[in-house]
Amino acid sequence: MNIPTTIADQIYSTELYEKIEAIGLKHKLHIDIVGALADSIRFVLMGKLKASEFIGDIEKMLQISREQALAIAEDVNKQIF
C-alpha cells in the first residue's frame, strides 16, 4: 500500500513515537511491547488494521488482559487517534 509522503512522515515521526512511548511508560510496558504497540497504531493509521479491531489486536499482540487493552486504547484514542 502506497501512502502519501507527508502522511508517512507523520506516521513515522518522532512526535508520534514519543506519544506512544509515553503511553507505554504509563502502562508499564516493556520496550519490546511498546514497539509492537507502535506497529499496531501505525497499521490503523495506514488503513491496514480496522480501528474496530485495534483493541483485540493489541490484546493478542501484547499478550495483555482485555482490561489493559481497553485502558491503553483509551489513551491512544485521546492522544493519537
C-alpha atoms as a PDB file:
ATOM      1  CA  MET A   1       0.000   0.000   0.000  1.00  0.00           C
ATOM      2  CA  ASN A   2       1.456   3.333  -1.026  1.00  0.00           C
ATOM      3  CA  ILE A   3       0.693   6.261   1.214  1.00  0.00           C
ATOM      4  CA  PRO A   4       1.499   9.902   0.539  1.00  0.00           C
ATOM      5  CA  THR A   5       4.907  11.016   1.768  1.00  0.00           C
ATOM      6  CA  THR A   6       3.505  13.617   4.157  1.00  0.00           C
ATOM      7  CA  ILE A   7       1.317  11.007   5.853  1.00  0.00           C
ATOM      8  CA  ALA A   8       4.199   8.544   6.015  1.00  0.00           C
ATOM      9  CA  ASP A   9       6.356  11.255   7.579  1.00  0.00           C
ATOM     10  CA  GLN A  10       3.732  11.779  10.282  1.00  0.00           C
ATOM     11  CA  ILE A  11       3.238   8.061  10.888  1.00  0.00           C
ATOM     12  CA  TYR A  12       6.973   7.561  11.425  1.00  0.00           C
ATOM     13  CA  SER A  13       7.583  10.881  13.188  1.00  0.00           C
ATOM     14  CA  THR A  14       9.471  11.278  16.434  1.00  0.00           C
ATOM     15  CA  GLU A  15       6.461  13.109  17.859  1.00  0.00           C
ATOM     16  CA  LEU A  16       4.188  10.113  17.300  1.00  0.00           C
ATOM     17  CA  TYR A  17       6.718   7.695  18.769  1.00  0.00           C
ATOM     18  CA  GLU A  18       7.143   9.917  21.845  1.00  0.00           C
ATOM     19  CA  LYS A  19       3.380   9.792  22.415  1.00  0.00           C
ATOM     20  CA  ILE A  20       3.401   6.016  22.033  1.00  0.00           C
ATOM     21  CA  GLU A  21       6.400   5.735  24.350  1.00  0.00           C
ATOM     22  CA  ALA A  22       4.620   7.873  26.986  1.00  0.00           C
ATOM     23  CA  ILE A  23       1.589   5.583  26.798  1.00  0.00           C
ATOM     24  CA  GLY A  24       3.892   2.599  27.217  1.00  0.00           C
ATOM     25  CA  LEU A  25       5.527   4.145  30.283  1.00  0.00           C
ATOM     26  CA  LYS A  26       2.151   4.978  31.817  1.00  0.00           C
ATOM     27  CA  HIS A  27       1.038   1.373  31.400  1.00  0.00           C
ATOM     28  CA  LYS A  28       4.447  -0.050  32.420  1.00  0.00           C
ATOM     29  CA  LEU A  29       5.024  -1.833  29.110  1.00  0.00           C
ATOM     30  CA  HIS A  30       8.424  -3.298  28.235  1.00  0.00           C
ATOM     31  CA  ILE A  31      10.209  -1.553  25.350  1.00  0.00           C
ATOM     32  CA  ASP A  32       9.603  -4.543  23.025  1.00  0.00           C
ATOM     33  CA  ILE A  33       5.904  -4.346  23.763  1.00  0.00           C
ATOM     34  CA  VAL A  34       5.915  -0.591  23.077  1.00  0.00           C
ATOM     35  CA  GLY A  35       7.350  -1.393  19.638  1.00  0.00           C
ATOM     36  CA  ALA A  36       4.520  -3.828  18.954  1.00  0.00           C
ATOM     37  CA  LEU A  37       2.003  -1.230  20.143  1.00  0.00           C
ATOM     38  CA  ALA A  38       3.583   1.304  17.771  1.00  0.00           C
ATOM     39  CA  ASP A  39       3.205  -1.154  14.901  1.00  0.00           C
ATOM     40  CA  SER A  40      -0.495  -1.688  15.659  1.00  0.00           C
ATOM     41  CA  ILE A  41      -1.112   2.052  15.866  1.00  0.00           C
ATOM     42  CA  ARG A  42       0.681   2.629  12.565  1.00  0.00           C
ATOM     43  CA  PHE A  43      -1.328  -0.161  10.915  1.00  0.00           C
ATOM     44  CA  VAL A  44      -4.541   1.604  11.938  1.00  0.00           C
ATOM     45  CA  LEU A  45      -3.246   4.951  10.694  1.00  0.00           C
ATOM     46  CA  MET A  46      -2.273   3.388   7.355  1.00  0.00           C
ATOM     47  CA  GLY A  47      -5.576   1.554   6.997  1.00  0.00           C
ATOM     48  CA  LYS A  48      -4.031  -1.911   7.274  1.00  0.00           C
ATOM     49  CA  LEU A  49      -5.943  -2.596  10.506  1.00  0.00           C
ATOM     50  CA  LYS A  50      -9.510  -1.531  11.184  1.00  0.00           C
ATOM     51  CA  ALA A  51      -9.918   0.738  14.199  1.00  0.00           C
ATOM     52  CA  SER A  52     -12.657  -1.602  15.410  1.00  0.00           C
ATOM     53  CA  GLU A  53     -10.077  -4.420  15.568  1.00  0.00           C
ATOM     54  CA  PHE A  54      -7.435  -2.394  17.441  1.00  0.00           C
ATOM     55  CA  ILE A  55      -8.307  -3.485  20.987  1.00  0.00           C
ATOM     56  CA  GLY A  56      -8.405  -7.174  20.096  1.00  0.00           C
ATOM     57  CA  ASP A  57      -5.185  -6.805  18.136  1.00  0.00           C
ATOM     58  CA  ILE A  58      -3.216  -5.227  20.959  1.00  0.00           C
ATOM     59  CA  GLU A  59      -4.685  -7.674  23.473  1.00  0.00           C
ATOM     60  CA  LYS A  60      -3.358 -10.553  21.371  1.00  0.00           C
ATOM     61  CA  MET A  61      -0.100  -8.975  20.147  1.00  0.00           C
ATOM     62  CA  LEU A  62       0.910  -7.570  23.538  1.00  0.00           C
ATOM     63  CA  GLN A  63      -0.415 -10.605  25.445  1.00  0.00           C
ATOM     64  CA  ILE A  64      -2.294  -8.432  27.915  1.00  0.00           C
ATOM     65  CA  SER A  65      -5.703  -8.602  29.543  1.00  0.00           C
ATOM     66  CA  ARG A  66      -8.799  -7.119  27.941  1.00  0.00           C
ATOM     67  CA  GLU A  67      -8.893  -4.511  30.710  1.00  0.00           C
ATOM     68  CA  GLN A  68      -5.307  -3.447  29.988  1.00  0.00           C
ATOM     69  CA  ALA A  69      -6.034  -3.314  26.262  1.00  0.00           C
ATOM     70  CA  LEU A  70      -9.071  -1.107  26.885  1.00  0.00           C
ATOM     71  CA  ALA A  71      -7.071   1.262  29.111  1.00  0.00           C
ATOM     72  CA  ILE A  72      -4.269   1.538  26.541  1.00  0.00           C
ATOM     73  CA  ALA A  73      -6.764   2.038  23.709  1.00  0.00           C
ATOM     74  CA  GLU A  74      -8.426   4.845  25.662  1.00  0.00           C
ATOM     75  CA  ASP A  75      -5.080   6.670  25.952  1.00  0.00           C
ATOM     76  CA  VAL A  76      -4.281   6.031  22.293  1.00  0.00           C
ATOM     77  CA  ASN A  77      -7.681   7.424  21.290  1.00  0.00           C
ATOM     78  CA  LYS A  78      -7.148  10.568  23.370  1.00  0.00           C
ATOM     79  CA  GLN A  79      -3.559  11.238  22.351  1.00  0.00           C
ATOM     80  CA  ILE A  80      -3.192   9.852  18.830  1.00  0.00           C
ATOM     81  CA  PHE A  81      -6.441   8.987  17.064  1.00  0.00           C
END
